[in-house]
Structure formats: C-alpha cells, structure tokens
C-alpha cells in the first residue's frame, strides 16, 4: 500500500550543453516525505562542474559558474544521495534527466520511480499543461512549496524537488490513494486512472 512507503524526490539543474559537449549537473535537491511521518530532511548542494554554465541555462536557473567555486563533485555527494534515495520510492517530474545523471553511479539500484509528470497526465488528462509550475499554480500548491523551501524559487533544485513531492502528496489525497497498491504511481496506466476519476 502507498501508505506504507517512504518517498524521496530528486531534482538536478544543469550547466547546459555546448556543441560537442555532454550536459552536466550543477545543483541537486533532495526532499523526503512519507504518509506516516510527513516531510523531512531537505538537502541542496551546488555541484562542481568541469565546464562553464551556458548563458541560456544560467538565465533559467540563475546559477553562475562562480556559484560552483568550492562545491563538491557529484561523486563526493554520493553518500548523501545514496542515504536519501535508498529503500524509497524515488520521485521526479519528468525523471529522464535525474535518471541520466544518476548513471554516474553504476548499479545504484535506486527506484522504483514515481514520475509526477506521467501521473498528472493520467490523473488530469484534460489540463492543457502538465508542467510542474503550471500544475502547482492550478492546484494552489505554491504557498505550501514556498513554506517548505523558503527563499527558493522555480528551477532551484530544492524548490523543484519539493514541488514534485507536494504535487505527489496532493494527488494521493485528492484520489484517496493511500490504501491503493504502489503500482498505480509507478506505472500510471491510463485505463486504471480513468476508473479512479469516474
């Protein structure tokens, strides 16, 4: 049952890809929640990168190359990431980027994943936008996110991780899913969600 699980949201912000380069992470945010104990243990850190942040990426998230001075490398953050994600349902909104950066740790075994983008598309197919920001605005969740991640804003890794978790909790409450099997979040089948919405 969903109520028996603990969840850990993760979000990465990136340097932006220059031609001929592979994009790299420059910030990670982690945020925990469980139905029985609530929110706990927020964590955010810049990540030292071996390439400069592009102008386009910096315009989105506001992180500059100067912010990364003295920041740990991704491997140095491994113990914290492992301790936070291990044994939990991992949450992200559009989890492709997060999965890609976690491949730096082969055989990590994190997951299963609950992708709030896929879940929201199954839960509210009628909405024009399923972007994280638009969903949180539509369901009036922004105030809660601001309280949990004060002095942060959209495209900060901690803020976006927090937003994913708040959206997941809201979805579970709205559809009264606490006693449902976790599979409905891990594999959001549209047919099953259609029955729930009726």
N, C-alpha and C. Protein backbone atom coordinates (compact mmCIF):
# COMPACT_ATOMS: atom_id res chain seq x y z
N UNK A 1 0.83 -1.20 0.00
CA UNK A 1 0.00 0.00 0.00
C UNK A 1 0.87 1.25 0.00
N UNK A 2 0.35 2.30 -0.62
CA UNK A 2 1.09 3.56 -0.71
C UNK A 2 1.43 4.09 0.68
N UNK A 3 0.50 3.95 1.63
CA UNK A 3 0.71 4.50 2.98
C UNK A 3 1.88 3.87 3.71
N UNK A 4 2.34 2.73 3.25
CA UNK A 4 3.44 2.02 3.92
C UNK A 4 4.81 2.44 3.38
N UNK A 5 4.84 3.25 2.34
CA UNK A 5 6.11 3.59 1.68
C UNK A 5 6.62 4.97 2.08
N UNK A 6 7.93 5.14 1.92
CA UNK A 6 8.56 6.46 2.05
C UNK A 6 9.02 6.90 0.67
N UNK A 7 9.04 8.21 0.46
CA UNK A 7 9.33 8.78 -0.85
C UNK A 7 10.47 9.79 -0.74
N UNK A 8 11.30 9.84 -1.77
CA UNK A 8 12.39 10.82 -1.84
C UNK A 8 12.39 11.46 -3.21
N UNK A 9 12.19 12.77 -3.26
CA UNK A 9 12.21 13.50 -4.53
C UNK A 9 13.61 13.99 -4.82
N UNK A 10 13.96 13.99 -6.09
CA UNK A 10 15.28 14.48 -6.52
C UNK A 10 15.10 15.36 -7.75
N UNK A 11 15.91 16.41 -7.81
CA UNK A 11 15.94 17.27 -8.99
C UNK A 11 17.36 17.73 -9.23
N UNK A 12 17.77 17.76 -10.49
CA UNK A 12 19.07 18.30 -10.89
C UNK A 12 18.86 19.54 -11.75
N UNK A 13 19.71 20.54 -11.58
CA UNK A 13 19.84 21.63 -12.53
C UNK A 13 21.17 21.43 -13.26
N UNK A 14 21.24 21.88 -14.51
CA UNK A 14 22.40 21.54 -15.33
C UNK A 14 23.13 22.75 -15.88
N UNK A 15 24.32 22.48 -16.42
CA UNK A 15 25.17 23.54 -16.98
C UNK A 15 24.69 23.98 -18.35
N UNK A 16 23.89 23.14 -19.01
CA UNK A 16 23.52 23.42 -20.40
C UNK A 16 24.59 22.88 -21.32
N UNK A 17 24.17 22.33 -22.43
CA UNK A 17 25.11 21.65 -23.33
C UNK A 17 25.62 22.59 -24.41
N UNK A 18 26.93 22.75 -24.46
CA UNK A 18 27.57 23.42 -25.58
C UNK A 18 27.70 22.41 -26.73
N UNK A 19 27.88 22.90 -27.94
CA UNK A 19 28.04 22.00 -29.08
C UNK A 19 29.22 21.06 -28.85
N UNK A 20 28.97 19.77 -29.01
CA UNK A 20 30.03 18.78 -28.85
C UNK A 20 30.29 18.37 -27.42
N UNK A 21 29.52 18.90 -26.47
CA UNK A 21 29.71 18.55 -25.06
C UNK A 21 28.49 17.80 -24.54
N UNK A 22 28.70 17.07 -23.46
CA UNK A 22 27.61 16.42 -22.75
C UNK A 22 27.20 17.29 -21.58
N UNK A 23 25.91 17.49 -21.39
CA UNK A 23 25.42 18.32 -20.29
C UNK A 23 25.80 17.69 -18.95
N UNK A 24 26.09 18.53 -17.96
CA UNK A 24 26.48 18.03 -16.64
C UNK A 24 25.65 18.73 -15.56
N UNK A 25 25.44 18.08 -14.41
CA UNK A 25 24.66 18.69 -13.33
C UNK A 25 25.48 19.73 -12.57
N UNK A 26 24.80 20.80 -12.11
CA UNK A 26 25.47 21.82 -11.31
C UNK A 26 24.78 22.05 -9.97
N UNK A 27 23.62 21.42 -9.75
CA UNK A 27 22.93 21.53 -8.47
C UNK A 27 22.01 20.32 -8.30
N UNK A 28 21.90 19.84 -7.07
CA UNK A 28 20.99 18.75 -6.75
C UNK A 28 20.15 19.13 -5.54
N UNK A 29 18.87 18.79 -5.59
CA UNK A 29 17.98 18.99 -4.46
C UNK A 29 17.30 17.68 -4.12
N UNK A 30 17.16 17.41 -2.81
CA UNK A 30 16.53 16.18 -2.32
C UNK A 30 15.49 16.55 -1.27
N UNK A 31 14.34 15.86 -1.32
CA UNK A 31 13.28 16.18 -0.36
C UNK A 31 12.50 14.91 -0.04
N UNK A 32 12.36 14.61 1.25
CA UNK A 32 11.71 13.37 1.70
C UNK A 32 10.29 13.61 2.21
N UNK A 33 9.46 12.58 2.02
CA UNK A 33 8.10 12.61 2.58
C UNK A 33 7.60 11.18 2.74
N UNK A 34 6.83 10.96 3.78
CA UNK A 34 6.11 9.70 3.92
C UNK A 34 4.74 10.00 4.50
N UNK A 35 3.73 9.20 4.15
CA UNK A 35 2.38 9.44 4.66
C UNK A 35 2.29 9.37 6.18
N UNK A 36 3.20 8.61 6.80
CA UNK A 36 3.10 8.43 8.26
C UNK A 36 3.92 9.43 9.05
N UNK A 37 4.99 10.01 8.45
CA UNK A 37 5.82 10.94 9.22
C UNK A 37 5.95 12.33 8.60
N UNK A 38 5.35 12.54 7.43
CA UNK A 38 5.36 13.86 6.80
C UNK A 38 6.67 14.19 6.12
N UNK A 39 6.97 15.50 6.05
CA UNK A 39 8.15 15.98 5.35
C UNK A 39 9.37 15.97 6.26
N UNK A 40 10.53 15.73 5.67
CA UNK A 40 11.76 15.75 6.46
C UNK A 40 12.98 15.85 5.56
N UNK A 41 14.08 16.25 6.16
CA UNK A 41 15.42 16.17 5.57
C UNK A 41 15.59 16.80 4.20
N UNK A 42 15.28 18.09 4.03
CA UNK A 42 15.61 18.72 2.75
C UNK A 42 17.12 18.87 2.61
N UNK A 43 17.60 18.78 1.38
CA UNK A 43 19.04 18.92 1.13
C UNK A 43 19.24 19.54 -0.24
N UNK A 44 20.16 20.49 -0.33
CA UNK A 44 20.51 21.08 -1.63
C UNK A 44 22.00 21.39 -1.64
N UNK A 45 22.61 21.19 -2.80
CA UNK A 45 24.04 21.50 -2.94
C UNK A 45 24.36 21.85 -4.38
N UNK A 46 25.24 22.82 -4.56
CA UNK A 46 25.83 23.03 -5.87
C UNK A 46 26.79 21.86 -6.15
N UNK A 47 27.09 21.64 -7.41
CA UNK A 47 27.96 20.55 -7.82
C UNK A 47 29.06 21.12 -8.71
N UNK A 48 30.29 20.85 -8.37
CA UNK A 48 31.40 21.34 -9.19
C UNK A 48 31.35 20.70 -10.57
N UNK A 49 31.47 21.52 -11.60
CA UNK A 49 31.40 21.03 -12.97
C UNK A 49 32.72 21.29 -13.68
N UNK A 50 32.99 20.47 -14.69
CA UNK A 50 34.23 20.63 -15.45
C UNK A 50 34.03 21.45 -16.71
N UNK A 51 32.92 22.16 -16.79
CA UNK A 51 32.66 23.05 -17.92
C UNK A 51 31.82 24.23 -17.44
N UNK A 52 31.90 25.37 -18.12
CA UNK A 52 31.15 26.55 -17.69
C UNK A 52 29.65 26.39 -17.92
N UNK A 53 28.88 27.12 -17.15
CA UNK A 53 27.43 27.13 -17.32
C UNK A 53 27.09 28.02 -18.52
N UNK A 54 26.27 27.54 -19.41
CA UNK A 54 25.91 28.33 -20.58
C UNK A 54 25.03 29.51 -20.18
N UNK A 55 25.03 30.53 -21.01
CA UNK A 55 24.19 31.70 -20.76
C UNK A 55 22.71 31.31 -20.69
N UNK A 56 22.28 30.43 -21.61
CA UNK A 56 20.87 30.04 -21.66
C UNK A 56 20.45 29.30 -20.39
N UNK A 57 21.32 28.40 -19.90
CA UNK A 57 20.99 27.65 -18.68
C UNK A 57 20.97 28.58 -17.47
N UNK A 58 21.95 29.47 -17.39
CA UNK A 58 22.01 30.41 -16.26
C UNK A 58 20.79 31.32 -16.24
N UNK A 59 20.28 31.68 -17.41
CA UNK A 59 19.09 32.52 -17.48
C UNK A 59 17.87 31.81 -16.89
N UNK A 60 17.84 30.48 -17.03
CA UNK A 60 16.71 29.70 -16.50
C UNK A 60 16.81 29.55 -14.99
N UNK A 61 17.96 29.07 -14.49
CA UNK A 61 18.03 28.74 -13.06
C UNK A 61 18.81 29.75 -12.22
N UNK A 62 19.47 30.69 -12.85
CA UNK A 62 20.14 31.74 -12.09
C UNK A 62 21.46 31.34 -11.46
N UNK A 63 21.96 30.16 -11.78
CA UNK A 63 23.22 29.68 -11.22
C UNK A 63 24.36 30.10 -12.15
N UNK A 64 25.41 30.65 -11.57
CA UNK A 64 26.57 31.05 -12.37
C UNK A 64 27.75 30.15 -12.05
N UNK A 65 28.75 30.18 -12.91
CA UNK A 65 29.94 29.37 -12.68
C UNK A 65 30.60 29.75 -11.35
N UNK A 66 30.50 31.01 -10.96
CA UNK A 66 31.07 31.46 -9.68
C UNK A 66 30.42 30.77 -8.49
N UNK A 67 29.13 30.43 -8.62
CA UNK A 67 28.43 29.75 -7.52
C UNK A 67 29.02 28.38 -7.24
N UNK A 68 29.71 27.80 -8.21
CA UNK A 68 30.21 26.44 -8.06
C UNK A 68 31.59 26.39 -7.42
N UNK A 69 32.20 27.55 -7.17
CA UNK A 69 33.53 27.58 -6.56
C UNK A 69 33.48 26.91 -5.18
N UNK A 70 34.29 25.91 -4.99
CA UNK A 70 34.33 25.19 -3.72
C UNK A 70 33.25 24.15 -3.55
N UNK A 71 32.38 23.98 -4.54
CA UNK A 71 31.31 22.98 -4.44
C UNK A 71 31.88 21.57 -4.58
N UNK A 72 31.25 20.59 -3.95
CA UNK A 72 31.72 19.21 -4.10
C UNK A 72 31.42 18.66 -5.48
N UNK A 73 32.16 17.65 -5.90
CA UNK A 73 31.85 16.95 -7.13
C UNK A 73 30.67 16.02 -6.88
N UNK A 74 30.06 15.53 -7.96
CA UNK A 74 28.94 14.60 -7.81
C UNK A 74 29.36 13.33 -7.05
N UNK A 75 30.52 12.73 -7.34
CA UNK A 75 30.92 11.54 -6.56
C UNK A 75 31.04 11.82 -5.06
N UNK A 76 31.46 13.02 -4.68
CA UNK A 76 31.56 13.34 -3.25
C UNK A 76 30.18 13.44 -2.59
N UNK A 77 29.17 13.72 -3.39
CA UNK A 77 27.81 13.79 -2.86
C UNK A 77 27.12 12.43 -2.82
N UNK A 78 27.80 11.42 -3.36
CA UNK A 78 27.22 10.08 -3.43
C UNK A 78 26.70 9.57 -2.09
N UNK A 79 27.46 9.67 -0.97
CA UNK A 79 26.94 9.13 0.29
C UNK A 79 25.61 9.76 0.70
N UNK A 80 25.46 11.07 0.50
CA UNK A 80 24.21 11.73 0.85
C UNK A 80 23.08 11.29 -0.08
N UNK A 81 23.36 11.25 -1.37
CA UNK A 81 22.35 10.83 -2.33
C UNK A 81 21.91 9.40 -2.05
N UNK A 82 22.88 8.52 -1.82
CA UNK A 82 22.57 7.11 -1.55
C UNK A 82 21.73 6.97 -0.28
N UNK A 83 22.12 7.66 0.78
CA UNK A 83 21.39 7.56 2.04
C UNK A 83 19.95 8.07 1.90
N UNK A 84 19.77 9.08 1.06
CA UNK A 84 18.44 9.67 0.90
C UNK A 84 17.53 8.82 0.02
N UNK A 85 18.06 8.28 -1.06
CA UNK A 85 17.22 7.58 -2.04
C UNK A 85 17.05 6.09 -1.78
N UNK A 86 18.00 5.48 -1.11
CA UNK A 86 17.97 4.03 -0.93
C UNK A 86 16.74 3.59 -0.15
N UNK A 87 16.06 2.57 -0.67
CA UNK A 87 14.92 2.00 0.02
C UNK A 87 13.65 2.80 -0.09
N UNK A 88 13.65 3.86 -0.90
CA UNK A 88 12.47 4.71 -1.03
C UNK A 88 11.94 4.69 -2.47
N UNK A 89 10.69 5.11 -2.63
CA UNK A 89 10.16 5.39 -3.96
C UNK A 89 10.75 6.72 -4.39
N UNK A 90 11.44 6.76 -5.52
CA UNK A 90 12.11 7.98 -5.97
C UNK A 90 11.15 8.78 -6.85
N UNK A 91 11.04 10.08 -6.55
CA UNK A 91 10.06 10.95 -7.19
C UNK A 91 10.77 12.02 -8.01
N UNK A 92 10.27 12.26 -9.21
CA UNK A 92 10.77 13.36 -10.03
C UNK A 92 9.67 13.72 -11.03
N UNK A 93 9.73 14.94 -11.54
CA UNK A 93 8.77 15.37 -12.56
C UNK A 93 9.44 15.32 -13.91
N UNK A 94 9.17 14.25 -14.68
CA UNK A 94 9.92 14.01 -15.91
C UNK A 94 11.29 13.48 -15.53
N UNK A 95 11.36 12.21 -15.16
CA UNK A 95 12.54 11.67 -14.48
C UNK A 95 13.71 11.35 -15.39
N UNK A 96 13.64 11.67 -16.68
CA UNK A 96 14.71 11.34 -17.61
C UNK A 96 16.05 11.96 -17.23
N UNK A 97 16.04 13.24 -16.89
CA UNK A 97 17.29 13.93 -16.53
C UNK A 97 17.89 13.33 -15.27
N UNK A 98 17.04 13.11 -14.27
CA UNK A 98 17.53 12.58 -12.99
C UNK A 98 18.12 11.19 -13.17
N UNK A 99 17.44 10.34 -13.93
CA UNK A 99 17.97 9.00 -14.18
C UNK A 99 19.31 9.07 -14.92
N UNK A 100 19.40 9.98 -15.86
CA UNK A 100 20.63 10.09 -16.66
C UNK A 100 21.82 10.48 -15.80
N UNK A 101 21.65 11.46 -14.92
CA UNK A 101 22.77 11.88 -14.08
C UNK A 101 23.12 10.84 -13.02
N UNK A 102 22.14 10.08 -12.57
CA UNK A 102 22.43 9.04 -11.58
C UNK A 102 23.16 7.85 -12.19
N UNK A 103 23.23 7.80 -13.51
CA UNK A 103 24.02 6.73 -14.15
C UNK A 103 25.51 6.88 -13.85
N UNK A 104 25.90 8.01 -13.28
CA UNK A 104 27.29 8.17 -12.84
C UNK A 104 27.64 7.16 -11.75
N UNK A 105 26.60 6.56 -11.15
CA UNK A 105 26.80 5.58 -10.09
C UNK A 105 26.25 4.23 -10.56
N UNK A 106 27.02 3.48 -11.35
CA UNK A 106 26.52 2.22 -11.92
C UNK A 106 26.04 1.25 -10.83
N UNK A 107 24.93 0.62 -11.10
CA UNK A 107 24.42 -0.38 -10.16
C UNK A 107 23.86 0.19 -8.87
N UNK A 108 23.46 1.48 -8.91
CA UNK A 108 22.98 2.10 -7.67
C UNK A 108 21.69 1.49 -7.15
N UNK A 109 20.85 0.97 -8.04
CA UNK A 109 19.64 0.29 -7.60
C UNK A 109 18.52 1.17 -7.12
N UNK A 110 18.58 2.50 -7.36
CA UNK A 110 17.52 3.39 -6.89
C UNK A 110 16.23 3.11 -7.64
N UNK A 111 15.14 3.32 -6.98
CA UNK A 111 13.83 3.11 -7.58
C UNK A 111 13.07 2.08 -6.75
N UNK A 112 11.85 1.83 -7.09
CA UNK A 112 11.15 2.28 -8.30
C UNK A 112 10.89 3.78 -8.29
N UNK A 113 10.51 4.30 -9.47
CA UNK A 113 10.31 5.73 -9.65
C UNK A 113 8.82 6.05 -9.77
N UNK A 114 8.45 7.17 -9.17
CA UNK A 114 7.11 7.75 -9.37
C UNK A 114 7.31 9.08 -10.09
N UNK A 115 6.96 9.10 -11.36
CA UNK A 115 7.15 10.29 -12.19
C UNK A 115 5.87 11.13 -12.14
N UNK A 116 5.93 12.28 -11.48
CA UNK A 116 4.71 13.09 -11.32
C UNK A 116 4.22 13.67 -12.64
N UNK A 117 5.07 13.73 -13.66
CA UNK A 117 4.61 14.16 -14.98
C UNK A 117 3.67 13.10 -15.57
N UNK A 118 4.09 11.84 -15.54
CA UNK A 118 3.26 10.76 -16.07
C UNK A 118 1.99 10.58 -15.23
N UNK A 119 2.14 10.70 -13.91
CA UNK A 119 0.98 10.55 -13.01
C UNK A 119 -0.04 11.65 -13.28
N UNK A 120 0.43 12.89 -13.42
CA UNK A 120 -0.50 14.01 -13.63
C UNK A 120 -1.21 13.91 -14.98
N UNK A 121 -0.52 13.40 -15.99
CA UNK A 121 -1.16 13.22 -17.29
C UNK A 121 -2.27 12.17 -17.21
N UNK A 122 -2.04 11.14 -16.39
CA UNK A 122 -3.08 10.11 -16.21
C UNK A 122 -4.21 10.62 -15.32
N UNK A 123 -3.87 11.42 -14.32
CA UNK A 123 -4.88 11.88 -13.36
C UNK A 123 -5.74 13.02 -13.91
N UNK A 124 -5.12 13.93 -14.67
CA UNK A 124 -5.84 15.10 -15.18
C UNK A 124 -5.56 15.28 -16.68
N UNK A 125 -6.00 14.36 -17.51
CA UNK A 125 -5.70 14.45 -18.94
C UNK A 125 -6.30 15.67 -19.62
N UNK A 126 -7.28 16.27 -18.98
CA UNK A 126 -7.97 17.41 -19.59
C UNK A 126 -7.19 18.71 -19.47
N UNK A 127 -6.18 18.76 -18.61
CA UNK A 127 -5.42 20.00 -18.43
C UNK A 127 -4.56 20.29 -19.66
N UNK A 128 -4.45 21.56 -20.01
CA UNK A 128 -3.67 21.95 -21.19
C UNK A 128 -2.18 21.80 -20.96
N UNK A 129 -1.74 22.01 -19.73
CA UNK A 129 -0.31 21.92 -19.42
C UNK A 129 -0.10 21.01 -18.22
N UNK A 130 0.93 20.18 -18.29
CA UNK A 130 1.30 19.33 -17.17
C UNK A 130 2.72 19.67 -16.69
N UNK A 131 3.16 20.89 -16.99
CA UNK A 131 4.44 21.33 -16.44
C UNK A 131 4.30 21.44 -14.92
N UNK A 132 5.39 21.27 -14.22
CA UNK A 132 5.35 21.27 -12.76
C UNK A 132 4.82 22.60 -12.22
N UNK A 133 5.31 23.70 -12.78
CA UNK A 133 4.87 25.01 -12.32
C UNK A 133 3.39 25.25 -12.56
N UNK A 134 2.93 24.89 -13.75
CA UNK A 134 1.52 25.11 -14.09
C UNK A 134 0.60 24.25 -13.22
N UNK A 135 0.99 23.03 -12.95
CA UNK A 135 0.18 22.16 -12.09
C UNK A 135 0.09 22.71 -10.67
N UNK A 136 1.22 23.14 -10.14
CA UNK A 136 1.23 23.66 -8.77
C UNK A 136 0.44 24.96 -8.65
N UNK A 137 0.49 25.79 -9.67
CA UNK A 137 -0.32 27.00 -9.68
C UNK A 137 -1.81 26.65 -9.80
N UNK A 138 -2.13 25.73 -10.68
CA UNK A 138 -3.53 25.34 -10.93
C UNK A 138 -4.18 24.80 -9.66
N UNK A 139 -3.44 24.02 -8.88
CA UNK A 139 -3.99 23.40 -7.67
C UNK A 139 -3.66 24.19 -6.40
N UNK A 140 -3.16 25.42 -6.56
CA UNK A 140 -2.88 26.32 -5.43
C UNK A 140 -1.91 25.68 -4.42
N UNK A 141 -0.85 25.07 -4.92
CA UNK A 141 0.14 24.41 -4.07
C UNK A 141 1.37 25.28 -3.80
N UNK A 142 1.46 26.40 -4.48
CA UNK A 142 2.69 27.21 -4.41
C UNK A 142 2.97 27.73 -3.01
N UNK A 143 1.93 28.11 -2.27
CA UNK A 143 2.13 28.61 -0.91
C UNK A 143 2.79 27.56 -0.03
N UNK A 144 2.33 26.33 -0.14
CA UNK A 144 2.93 25.24 0.64
C UNK A 144 4.38 25.02 0.25
N UNK A 145 4.66 25.04 -1.05
CA UNK A 145 6.04 24.85 -1.51
C UNK A 145 6.94 25.97 -0.99
N UNK A 146 6.44 27.21 -1.03
CA UNK A 146 7.22 28.35 -0.53
C UNK A 146 7.54 28.21 0.96
N UNK A 147 6.61 27.64 1.71
CA UNK A 147 6.85 27.45 3.15
C UNK A 147 7.89 26.36 3.40
N UNK A 148 7.88 25.34 2.57
CA UNK A 148 8.81 24.22 2.74
C UNK A 148 10.20 24.52 2.17
N UNK A 149 10.27 25.39 1.18
CA UNK A 149 11.56 25.76 0.58
C UNK A 149 11.67 27.28 0.55
N UNK A 150 11.77 27.91 1.73
CA UNK A 150 11.80 29.37 1.78
C UNK A 150 13.02 29.95 1.08
N UNK A 151 12.83 31.13 0.50
CA UNK A 151 13.90 31.86 -0.19
C UNK A 151 14.39 31.12 -1.44
N UNK A 152 13.62 30.17 -1.92
CA UNK A 152 13.93 29.48 -3.17
C UNK A 152 12.85 29.81 -4.18
N UNK A 153 13.08 29.47 -5.43
CA UNK A 153 12.08 29.70 -6.47
C UNK A 153 12.22 28.61 -7.54
N UNK A 154 11.36 28.70 -8.56
CA UNK A 154 11.38 27.69 -9.62
C UNK A 154 12.75 27.58 -10.27
N UNK A 155 13.13 26.36 -10.60
CA UNK A 155 14.39 26.00 -11.23
C UNK A 155 15.56 26.03 -10.25
N UNK A 156 15.26 26.21 -8.96
CA UNK A 156 16.22 25.83 -7.93
C UNK A 156 15.96 24.35 -7.67
N UNK A 157 17.02 23.55 -7.55
CA UNK A 157 16.84 22.10 -7.46
C UNK A 157 16.02 21.70 -6.24
N UNK A 158 16.23 22.35 -5.09
CA UNK A 158 15.45 22.00 -3.91
C UNK A 158 13.99 22.40 -4.09
N UNK A 159 13.76 23.57 -4.66
CA UNK A 159 12.37 24.03 -4.85
C UNK A 159 11.61 23.08 -5.77
N UNK A 160 12.24 22.67 -6.87
CA UNK A 160 11.56 21.79 -7.82
C UNK A 160 11.35 20.39 -7.23
N UNK A 161 12.32 19.89 -6.46
CA UNK A 161 12.14 18.60 -5.79
C UNK A 161 10.99 18.67 -4.79
N UNK A 162 10.95 19.77 -4.04
CA UNK A 162 9.87 19.97 -3.08
C UNK A 162 8.52 20.04 -3.78
N UNK A 163 8.47 20.76 -4.90
CA UNK A 163 7.23 20.90 -5.65
C UNK A 163 6.74 19.54 -6.16
N UNK A 164 7.65 18.70 -6.63
CA UNK A 164 7.27 17.37 -7.10
C UNK A 164 6.64 16.56 -5.97
N UNK A 165 7.22 16.68 -4.79
CA UNK A 165 6.71 15.92 -3.64
C UNK A 165 5.36 16.45 -3.18
N UNK A 166 5.21 17.76 -3.13
CA UNK A 166 3.93 18.36 -2.73
C UNK A 166 2.83 17.97 -3.72
N UNK A 167 3.17 17.96 -5.01
CA UNK A 167 2.21 17.54 -6.02
C UNK A 167 1.84 16.07 -5.84
N UNK A 168 2.81 15.23 -5.55
CA UNK A 168 2.52 13.81 -5.33
C UNK A 168 1.59 13.63 -4.13
N UNK A 169 1.90 14.29 -3.04
CA UNK A 169 1.05 14.18 -1.85
C UNK A 169 -0.37 14.65 -2.16
N UNK A 170 -0.49 15.76 -2.87
CA UNK A 170 -1.80 16.29 -3.23
C UNK A 170 -2.59 15.27 -4.07
N UNK A 171 -1.90 14.64 -5.02
CA UNK A 171 -2.55 13.65 -5.88
C UNK A 171 -3.05 12.47 -5.06
N UNK A 172 -2.23 11.98 -4.15
CA UNK A 172 -2.62 10.86 -3.30
C UNK A 172 -3.84 11.20 -2.47
N UNK A 173 -3.86 12.43 -1.93
CA UNK A 173 -5.00 12.85 -1.12
C UNK A 173 -6.26 13.04 -1.97
N UNK A 174 -6.12 13.70 -3.11
CA UNK A 174 -7.28 14.00 -3.95
C UNK A 174 -7.99 12.75 -4.44
N UNK A 175 -7.21 11.73 -4.74
CA UNK A 175 -7.80 10.50 -5.28
C UNK A 175 -7.90 9.38 -4.23
N UNK A 176 -7.60 9.75 -2.98
CA UNK A 176 -7.73 8.80 -1.86
C UNK A 176 -7.00 7.49 -2.17
N UNK A 177 -5.71 7.65 -2.44
CA UNK A 177 -4.91 6.51 -2.89
C UNK A 177 -4.11 5.84 -1.79
N UNK A 178 -4.18 6.33 -0.57
CA UNK A 178 -3.29 5.84 0.48
C UNK A 178 -3.32 4.32 0.65
N UNK A 179 -4.48 3.73 0.47
CA UNK A 179 -4.59 2.28 0.66
C UNK A 179 -4.53 1.50 -0.65
N UNK A 180 -4.18 2.18 -1.73
CA UNK A 180 -4.01 1.51 -3.02
C UNK A 180 -2.61 0.95 -3.15
N UNK A 181 -2.44 0.00 -4.05
CA UNK A 181 -1.13 -0.57 -4.32
C UNK A 181 -0.22 0.49 -4.94
N UNK A 182 1.05 0.47 -4.59
CA UNK A 182 2.01 1.47 -5.06
C UNK A 182 2.14 1.45 -6.58
N UNK A 183 1.78 0.36 -7.21
CA UNK A 183 1.93 0.22 -8.66
C UNK A 183 1.17 1.30 -9.43
N UNK A 184 0.10 1.83 -8.85
CA UNK A 184 -0.68 2.86 -9.55
C UNK A 184 0.13 4.14 -9.75
N UNK A 185 1.13 4.37 -8.89
CA UNK A 185 2.02 5.52 -9.03
C UNK A 185 3.25 5.19 -9.88
N UNK A 186 3.73 3.98 -9.78
CA UNK A 186 4.94 3.59 -10.51
C UNK A 186 4.64 3.35 -11.98
N UNK A 187 3.47 2.78 -12.26
CA UNK A 187 3.04 2.51 -13.64
C UNK A 187 1.64 3.11 -13.83
N UNK A 188 1.57 4.43 -14.02
CA UNK A 188 0.26 5.10 -14.10
C UNK A 188 -0.50 4.76 -15.39
N UNK A 189 -1.16 3.63 -15.36
CA UNK A 189 -1.93 3.17 -16.52
C UNK A 189 -3.17 4.03 -16.70
N UNK A 190 -3.37 4.56 -17.89
CA UNK A 190 -4.49 5.47 -18.14
C UNK A 190 -5.84 4.81 -17.91
N UNK A 191 -5.96 3.53 -18.23
CA UNK A 191 -7.22 2.82 -18.03
C UNK A 191 -7.59 2.76 -16.56
N UNK A 192 -6.61 2.43 -15.72
CA UNK A 192 -6.85 2.37 -14.28
C UNK A 192 -7.20 3.74 -13.72
N UNK A 193 -6.48 4.76 -14.15
CA UNK A 193 -6.77 6.11 -13.67
C UNK A 193 -8.13 6.59 -14.16
N UNK A 194 -8.55 6.17 -15.32
CA UNK A 194 -9.87 6.54 -15.82
C UNK A 194 -10.95 6.00 -14.88
N UNK A 195 -10.76 4.78 -14.37
CA UNK A 195 -11.73 4.22 -13.41
C UNK A 195 -11.73 5.00 -12.12
N UNK A 196 -10.56 5.46 -11.69
CA UNK A 196 -10.45 6.23 -10.44
C UNK A 196 -11.15 7.57 -10.57
N UNK A 197 -11.02 8.20 -11.72
CA UNK A 197 -11.59 9.54 -11.93
C UNK A 197 -13.10 9.53 -12.00
N UNK A 198 -13.70 8.41 -12.33
CA UNK A 198 -15.15 8.35 -12.54
C UNK A 198 -15.91 8.48 -11.24
